[in-house]
Amino acid sequence: MVVFNNSTLGMVKLEMLVDGLPDFGVDVPDANYAAVARALGFHAVRVTDPSRIEAAYREAFAHPGPSLVELITDPKALSLPPKIKGAQVLGFATAMSKVVLNRGAGEAVSMARSNLRNLPRR
């Protein structure tokens, strides 16, 4: 099993943002799912360094029983829908404006930095 752990309810957060609402109540306290899996008898690895992913998968596939690989991911990276509609862009811009006005520009800039690296390069 693979668990992508970003300590947030990412899809709920994105739905709130595209509806023009600043995210609220979507952050999840850090949970070590690999430790829980080990307590249940699984072979489990928690990966915080992306360069370690391949080795973690190799260990998991080599283990003769159940395995779990927990990948810690960026909580500010957004999951994008396959098609983006104009209303979603307007809602996201509205929500980001509210975030900037209520919490300061730092959070919006941090989110932008996390997501700009995922844009396709030509």
N, C-alpha and C. Protein backbone atom coordinates (compact mmCIF):
# COMPACT_ATOMS: atom_id res chain seq x y z
N MET A 1 0.84 -1.17 0.00
CA MET A 1 0.00 0.00 0.00
C MET A 1 0.89 1.23 0.00
N VAL A 2 0.37 2.28 -0.63
CA VAL A 2 1.08 3.56 -0.63
C VAL A 2 0.14 4.61 -0.06
N VAL A 3 0.63 5.38 0.90
CA VAL A 3 -0.13 6.47 1.50
C VAL A 3 0.58 7.77 1.17
N PHE A 4 -0.13 8.68 0.52
CA PHE A 4 0.39 10.02 0.26
C PHE A 4 -0.10 10.90 1.41
N ASN A 5 0.80 11.31 2.27
CA ASN A 5 0.44 12.05 3.48
C ASN A 5 0.86 13.51 3.34
N ASN A 6 -0.12 14.38 3.15
CA ASN A 6 0.18 15.81 3.09
C ASN A 6 -0.40 16.56 4.29
N SER A 7 -0.88 15.84 5.28
CA SER A 7 -1.44 16.43 6.51
C SER A 7 -2.53 17.46 6.24
N THR A 8 -3.28 17.24 5.18
CA THR A 8 -4.40 18.12 4.87
C THR A 8 -5.46 17.35 4.09
N LEU A 9 -6.67 17.83 4.14
CA LEU A 9 -7.74 17.27 3.32
C LEU A 9 -7.69 18.04 1.99
N GLY A 10 -6.76 17.65 1.13
CA GLY A 10 -6.43 18.42 -0.07
C GLY A 10 -7.59 18.67 -1.02
N MET A 11 -8.39 17.65 -1.31
CA MET A 11 -9.49 17.84 -2.25
C MET A 11 -10.56 18.76 -1.65
N VAL A 12 -10.81 18.64 -0.37
CA VAL A 12 -11.78 19.53 0.28
C VAL A 12 -11.26 20.96 0.24
N LYS A 13 -9.96 21.12 0.50
CA LYS A 13 -9.34 22.44 0.46
C LYS A 13 -9.50 23.06 -0.92
N LEU A 14 -9.20 22.29 -1.97
CA LEU A 14 -9.31 22.80 -3.33
C LEU A 14 -10.76 23.16 -3.66
N GLU A 15 -11.71 22.33 -3.25
CA GLU A 15 -13.12 22.64 -3.49
C GLU A 15 -13.52 23.94 -2.83
N MET A 16 -13.02 24.17 -1.62
CA MET A 16 -13.32 25.42 -0.93
C MET A 16 -12.73 26.60 -1.68
N LEU A 17 -11.47 26.46 -2.12
CA LEU A 17 -10.80 27.56 -2.81
C LEU A 17 -11.48 27.91 -4.12
N VAL A 18 -11.86 26.92 -4.93
CA VAL A 18 -12.49 27.23 -6.22
C VAL A 18 -13.90 27.76 -6.04
N ASP A 19 -14.49 27.57 -4.87
CA ASP A 19 -15.80 28.16 -4.57
C ASP A 19 -15.66 29.55 -3.96
N GLY A 20 -14.42 30.05 -3.88
CA GLY A 20 -14.20 31.40 -3.37
C GLY A 20 -14.08 31.48 -1.86
N LEU A 21 -13.92 30.33 -1.20
CA LEU A 21 -13.83 30.32 0.26
C LEU A 21 -12.39 30.06 0.70
N PRO A 22 -11.87 30.84 1.63
CA PRO A 22 -10.55 30.51 2.17
C PRO A 22 -10.65 29.16 2.90
N ASP A 23 -9.59 28.37 2.83
CA ASP A 23 -9.63 27.06 3.47
C ASP A 23 -9.74 27.21 4.98
N PHE A 24 -10.52 26.33 5.57
CA PHE A 24 -10.71 26.35 7.03
C PHE A 24 -10.99 24.93 7.49
N GLY A 25 -10.29 24.50 8.52
CA GLY A 25 -10.55 23.19 9.11
C GLY A 25 -10.11 22.02 8.26
N VAL A 26 -9.18 22.23 7.34
CA VAL A 26 -8.74 21.14 6.47
C VAL A 26 -7.36 20.61 6.82
N ASP A 27 -6.68 21.25 7.76
CA ASP A 27 -5.37 20.77 8.18
C ASP A 27 -5.53 19.62 9.16
N VAL A 28 -4.76 18.57 8.96
CA VAL A 28 -4.84 17.37 9.77
C VAL A 28 -3.55 17.26 10.59
N PRO A 29 -3.64 17.00 11.89
CA PRO A 29 -2.41 16.83 12.67
C PRO A 29 -1.56 15.70 12.08
N ASP A 30 -0.24 15.85 12.20
CA ASP A 30 0.67 14.85 11.66
C ASP A 30 0.39 13.49 12.26
N ALA A 31 0.15 12.53 11.40
CA ALA A 31 -0.05 11.14 11.82
C ALA A 31 0.99 10.29 11.12
N ASN A 32 1.65 9.43 11.86
CA ASN A 32 2.67 8.56 11.28
C ASN A 32 2.00 7.24 10.91
N TYR A 33 1.51 7.16 9.67
CA TYR A 33 0.79 5.96 9.23
C TYR A 33 1.72 4.76 9.11
N ALA A 34 3.00 5.00 8.85
CA ALA A 34 3.96 3.89 8.80
C ALA A 34 4.09 3.25 10.19
N ALA A 35 4.12 4.06 11.23
CA ALA A 35 4.20 3.52 12.59
C ALA A 35 2.95 2.71 12.93
N VAL A 36 1.80 3.19 12.50
CA VAL A 36 0.55 2.45 12.74
C VAL A 36 0.61 1.10 12.00
N ALA A 37 1.08 1.13 10.75
CA ALA A 37 1.18 -0.11 9.97
C ALA A 37 2.14 -1.10 10.63
N ARG A 38 3.28 -0.59 11.13
CA ARG A 38 4.24 -1.48 11.82
C ARG A 38 3.60 -2.11 13.05
N ALA A 39 2.79 -1.32 13.77
CA ALA A 39 2.11 -1.85 14.96
C ALA A 39 1.13 -2.96 14.59
N LEU A 40 0.66 -2.94 13.34
CA LEU A 40 -0.27 -3.98 12.86
C LEU A 40 0.46 -5.14 12.21
N GLY A 41 1.79 -5.09 12.20
CA GLY A 41 2.57 -6.20 11.66
C GLY A 41 3.02 -6.03 10.22
N PHE A 42 2.78 -4.88 9.63
CA PHE A 42 3.22 -4.61 8.25
C PHE A 42 4.71 -4.26 8.24
N HIS A 43 5.34 -4.49 7.12
CA HIS A 43 6.63 -3.85 6.84
C HIS A 43 6.25 -2.44 6.40
N ALA A 44 6.82 -1.42 7.01
CA ALA A 44 6.41 -0.06 6.67
C ALA A 44 7.61 0.88 6.66
N VAL A 45 7.57 1.81 5.70
CA VAL A 45 8.63 2.80 5.56
C VAL A 45 7.97 4.16 5.39
N ARG A 46 8.49 5.14 6.11
CA ARG A 46 8.02 6.53 5.98
C ARG A 46 9.09 7.30 5.21
N VAL A 47 8.72 7.87 4.08
CA VAL A 47 9.67 8.55 3.21
C VAL A 47 9.44 10.07 3.27
N THR A 48 10.46 10.78 3.72
CA THR A 48 10.40 12.24 3.75
C THR A 48 11.32 12.86 2.71
N ASP A 49 12.24 12.07 2.18
CA ASP A 49 13.19 12.53 1.18
C ASP A 49 12.86 11.86 -0.15
N PRO A 50 12.50 12.65 -1.18
CA PRO A 50 12.11 12.05 -2.47
C PRO A 50 13.17 11.13 -3.08
N SER A 51 14.43 11.35 -2.77
CA SER A 51 15.47 10.49 -3.34
C SER A 51 15.41 9.07 -2.76
N ARG A 52 14.63 8.87 -1.73
CA ARG A 52 14.52 7.57 -1.04
C ARG A 52 13.30 6.76 -1.51
N ILE A 53 12.50 7.32 -2.40
CA ILE A 53 11.26 6.65 -2.81
C ILE A 53 11.52 5.30 -3.48
N GLU A 54 12.43 5.28 -4.43
CA GLU A 54 12.69 4.02 -5.15
C GLU A 54 13.14 2.92 -4.19
N ALA A 55 14.05 3.25 -3.28
CA ALA A 55 14.52 2.25 -2.32
C ALA A 55 13.38 1.76 -1.44
N ALA A 56 12.49 2.66 -1.04
CA ALA A 56 11.35 2.27 -0.20
C ALA A 56 10.43 1.30 -0.95
N TYR A 57 10.17 1.59 -2.24
CA TYR A 57 9.35 0.68 -3.04
C TYR A 57 10.03 -0.68 -3.19
N ARG A 58 11.32 -0.68 -3.42
CA ARG A 58 12.05 -1.95 -3.57
C ARG A 58 11.96 -2.79 -2.30
N GLU A 59 12.13 -2.12 -1.13
CA GLU A 59 12.00 -2.83 0.15
C GLU A 59 10.59 -3.42 0.30
N ALA A 60 9.59 -2.60 -0.03
CA ALA A 60 8.19 -3.04 0.13
C ALA A 60 7.88 -4.22 -0.78
N PHE A 61 8.32 -4.17 -2.04
CA PHE A 61 8.05 -5.29 -2.96
C PHE A 61 8.85 -6.53 -2.60
N ALA A 62 10.01 -6.36 -2.00
CA ALA A 62 10.85 -7.51 -1.62
C ALA A 62 10.33 -8.21 -0.37
N HIS A 63 9.55 -7.50 0.43
CA HIS A 63 9.04 -8.09 1.67
C HIS A 63 7.98 -9.14 1.35
N PRO A 64 8.03 -10.32 1.99
CA PRO A 64 7.09 -11.40 1.65
C PRO A 64 5.66 -11.18 2.17
N GLY A 65 5.45 -10.19 3.02
CA GLY A 65 4.11 -9.97 3.56
C GLY A 65 3.59 -8.59 3.21
N PRO A 66 2.61 -8.13 3.94
CA PRO A 66 2.02 -6.82 3.66
C PRO A 66 3.03 -5.69 3.93
N SER A 67 3.00 -4.69 3.05
CA SER A 67 3.90 -3.55 3.17
C SER A 67 3.15 -2.26 2.96
N LEU A 68 3.66 -1.21 3.59
CA LEU A 68 3.10 0.13 3.41
C LEU A 68 4.26 1.09 3.22
N VAL A 69 4.13 1.97 2.22
CA VAL A 69 5.09 3.05 2.01
C VAL A 69 4.32 4.35 2.20
N GLU A 70 4.74 5.13 3.18
CA GLU A 70 4.11 6.42 3.44
C GLU A 70 5.00 7.51 2.85
N LEU A 71 4.45 8.27 1.91
CA LEU A 71 5.19 9.34 1.26
C LEU A 71 4.69 10.68 1.80
N ILE A 72 5.59 11.42 2.43
CA ILE A 72 5.24 12.74 2.95
C ILE A 72 5.30 13.73 1.79
N THR A 73 4.19 14.39 1.52
CA THR A 73 4.10 15.30 0.38
C THR A 73 3.84 16.72 0.85
N ASP A 74 3.97 17.65 -0.06
CA ASP A 74 3.81 19.08 0.23
C ASP A 74 2.33 19.41 0.45
N PRO A 75 1.95 19.90 1.64
CA PRO A 75 0.54 20.21 1.90
C PRO A 75 0.02 21.39 1.09
N LYS A 76 0.90 22.21 0.55
CA LYS A 76 0.45 23.36 -0.22
C LYS A 76 0.30 23.06 -1.71
N ALA A 77 0.76 21.87 -2.14
CA ALA A 77 0.61 21.49 -3.55
C ALA A 77 -0.84 21.12 -3.80
N LEU A 78 -1.43 21.71 -4.81
CA LEU A 78 -2.84 21.49 -5.11
C LEU A 78 -3.02 20.36 -6.12
N SER A 79 -4.09 19.62 -5.96
CA SER A 79 -4.48 18.63 -6.96
C SER A 79 -5.37 19.35 -7.96
N LEU A 80 -4.95 19.34 -9.21
CA LEU A 80 -5.71 20.08 -10.22
C LEU A 80 -6.64 19.15 -10.98
N PRO A 81 -7.85 19.64 -11.28
CA PRO A 81 -8.77 18.84 -12.08
C PRO A 81 -8.26 18.77 -13.52
N PRO A 82 -8.71 17.77 -14.29
CA PRO A 82 -8.24 17.65 -15.67
C PRO A 82 -8.64 18.84 -16.55
N LYS A 83 -9.77 19.43 -16.28
CA LYS A 83 -10.22 20.61 -17.02
C LYS A 83 -10.57 21.70 -16.02
N ILE A 84 -10.05 22.87 -16.25
CA ILE A 84 -10.29 24.00 -15.35
C ILE A 84 -11.26 24.96 -16.02
N LYS A 85 -12.33 25.30 -15.30
CA LYS A 85 -13.35 26.20 -15.83
C LYS A 85 -13.11 27.62 -15.35
N GLY A 86 -13.63 28.58 -16.09
CA GLY A 86 -13.47 29.99 -15.74
C GLY A 86 -14.00 30.32 -14.35
N ALA A 87 -15.11 29.72 -13.99
CA ALA A 87 -15.70 29.98 -12.66
C ALA A 87 -14.77 29.49 -11.55
N GLN A 88 -14.06 28.40 -11.82
CA GLN A 88 -13.11 27.88 -10.82
C GLN A 88 -11.93 28.84 -10.65
N VAL A 89 -11.46 29.40 -11.76
CA VAL A 89 -10.36 30.37 -11.70
C VAL A 89 -10.80 31.60 -10.92
N LEU A 90 -12.01 32.09 -11.21
CA LEU A 90 -12.54 33.26 -10.50
C LEU A 90 -12.69 32.96 -9.01
N GLY A 91 -13.23 31.79 -8.68
CA GLY A 91 -13.40 31.41 -7.28
C GLY A 91 -12.06 31.30 -6.57
N PHE A 92 -11.06 30.69 -7.24
CA PHE A 92 -9.74 30.54 -6.65
C PHE A 92 -9.11 31.92 -6.41
N ALA A 93 -9.24 32.82 -7.39
CA ALA A 93 -8.68 34.17 -7.23
C ALA A 93 -9.37 34.90 -6.08
N THR A 94 -10.67 34.74 -5.96
CA THR A 94 -11.41 35.36 -4.86
C THR A 94 -10.94 34.82 -3.52
N ALA A 95 -10.79 33.50 -3.43
CA ALA A 95 -10.33 32.88 -2.18
C ALA A 95 -8.93 33.34 -1.83
N MET A 96 -8.04 33.40 -2.81
CA MET A 96 -6.66 33.85 -2.54
C MET A 96 -6.64 35.30 -2.08
N SER A 97 -7.53 36.13 -2.64
CA SER A 97 -7.64 37.52 -2.19
C SER A 97 -8.03 37.58 -0.72
N LYS A 98 -8.98 36.73 -0.34
CA LYS A 98 -9.42 36.68 1.06
C LYS A 98 -8.30 36.18 1.97
N VAL A 99 -7.55 35.19 1.49
CA VAL A 99 -6.42 34.66 2.27
C VAL A 99 -5.40 35.77 2.50
N VAL A 100 -5.08 36.51 1.44
CA VAL A 100 -4.10 37.60 1.55
C VAL A 100 -4.60 38.67 2.52
N LEU A 101 -5.87 39.04 2.41
CA LEU A 101 -6.42 40.09 3.28
C LEU A 101 -6.53 39.65 4.73
N ASN A 102 -6.84 38.38 4.96
CA ASN A 102 -7.04 37.90 6.33
C ASN A 102 -5.77 37.38 7.01
N ARG A 103 -4.90 36.71 6.25
CA ARG A 103 -3.74 36.06 6.85
C ARG A 103 -2.42 36.64 6.38
N GLY A 104 -2.47 37.52 5.41
CA GLY A 104 -1.23 38.09 4.87
C GLY A 104 -0.81 37.38 3.59
N ALA A 105 0.06 38.03 2.86
CA ALA A 105 0.48 37.52 1.55
C ALA A 105 1.40 36.32 1.66
N GLY A 106 2.03 36.12 2.80
CA GLY A 106 3.00 35.03 2.95
C GLY A 106 2.43 33.66 2.60
N GLU A 107 1.23 33.37 3.05
CA GLU A 107 0.63 32.06 2.78
C GLU A 107 0.34 31.89 1.29
N ALA A 108 -0.18 32.94 0.65
CA ALA A 108 -0.47 32.87 -0.78
C ALA A 108 0.81 32.70 -1.59
N VAL A 109 1.87 33.41 -1.21
CA VAL A 109 3.15 33.29 -1.90
C VAL A 109 3.72 31.89 -1.72
N SER A 110 3.62 31.35 -0.51
CA SER A 110 4.11 30.00 -0.24
C SER A 110 3.37 28.97 -1.09
N MET A 111 2.06 29.12 -1.20
CA MET A 111 1.27 28.20 -2.02
C MET A 111 1.66 28.33 -3.49
N ALA A 112 1.86 29.56 -3.95
CA ALA A 112 2.25 29.77 -5.34
C ALA A 112 3.60 29.11 -5.63
N ARG A 113 4.55 29.28 -4.74
CA ARG A 113 5.87 28.65 -4.93
C ARG A 113 5.77 27.14 -5.00
N SER A 114 4.94 26.55 -4.13
CA SER A 114 4.78 25.10 -4.12
C SER A 114 4.19 24.58 -5.42
N ASN A 115 3.36 25.38 -6.06
CA ASN A 115 2.65 24.92 -7.25
C ASN A 115 3.31 25.33 -8.55
N LEU A 116 4.07 26.39 -8.56
CA LEU A 116 4.74 26.82 -9.79
C LEU A 116 5.73 25.77 -10.28
N ARG A 117 6.35 25.06 -9.37
CA ARG A 117 7.32 24.05 -9.79
C ARG A 117 6.66 22.88 -10.51
N ASN A 118 5.33 22.75 -10.41
CA ASN A 118 4.62 21.65 -11.04
C ASN A 118 4.09 22.01 -12.43
N LEU A 119 4.25 23.25 -12.85
CA LEU A 119 3.76 23.64 -14.17
C LEU A 119 4.63 23.02 -15.25
N PRO A 120 4.00 22.53 -16.32
CA PRO A 120 4.81 21.94 -17.40
C PRO A 120 5.69 23.00 -18.05
N ARG A 121 6.91 22.63 -18.38
CA ARG A 121 7.85 23.52 -19.06
C ARG A 121 7.85 23.16 -20.53
N ARG A 122 7.93 24.15 -21.38
CA ARG A 122 7.97 23.90 -22.84
C ARG A 122 9.36 24.02 -23.35
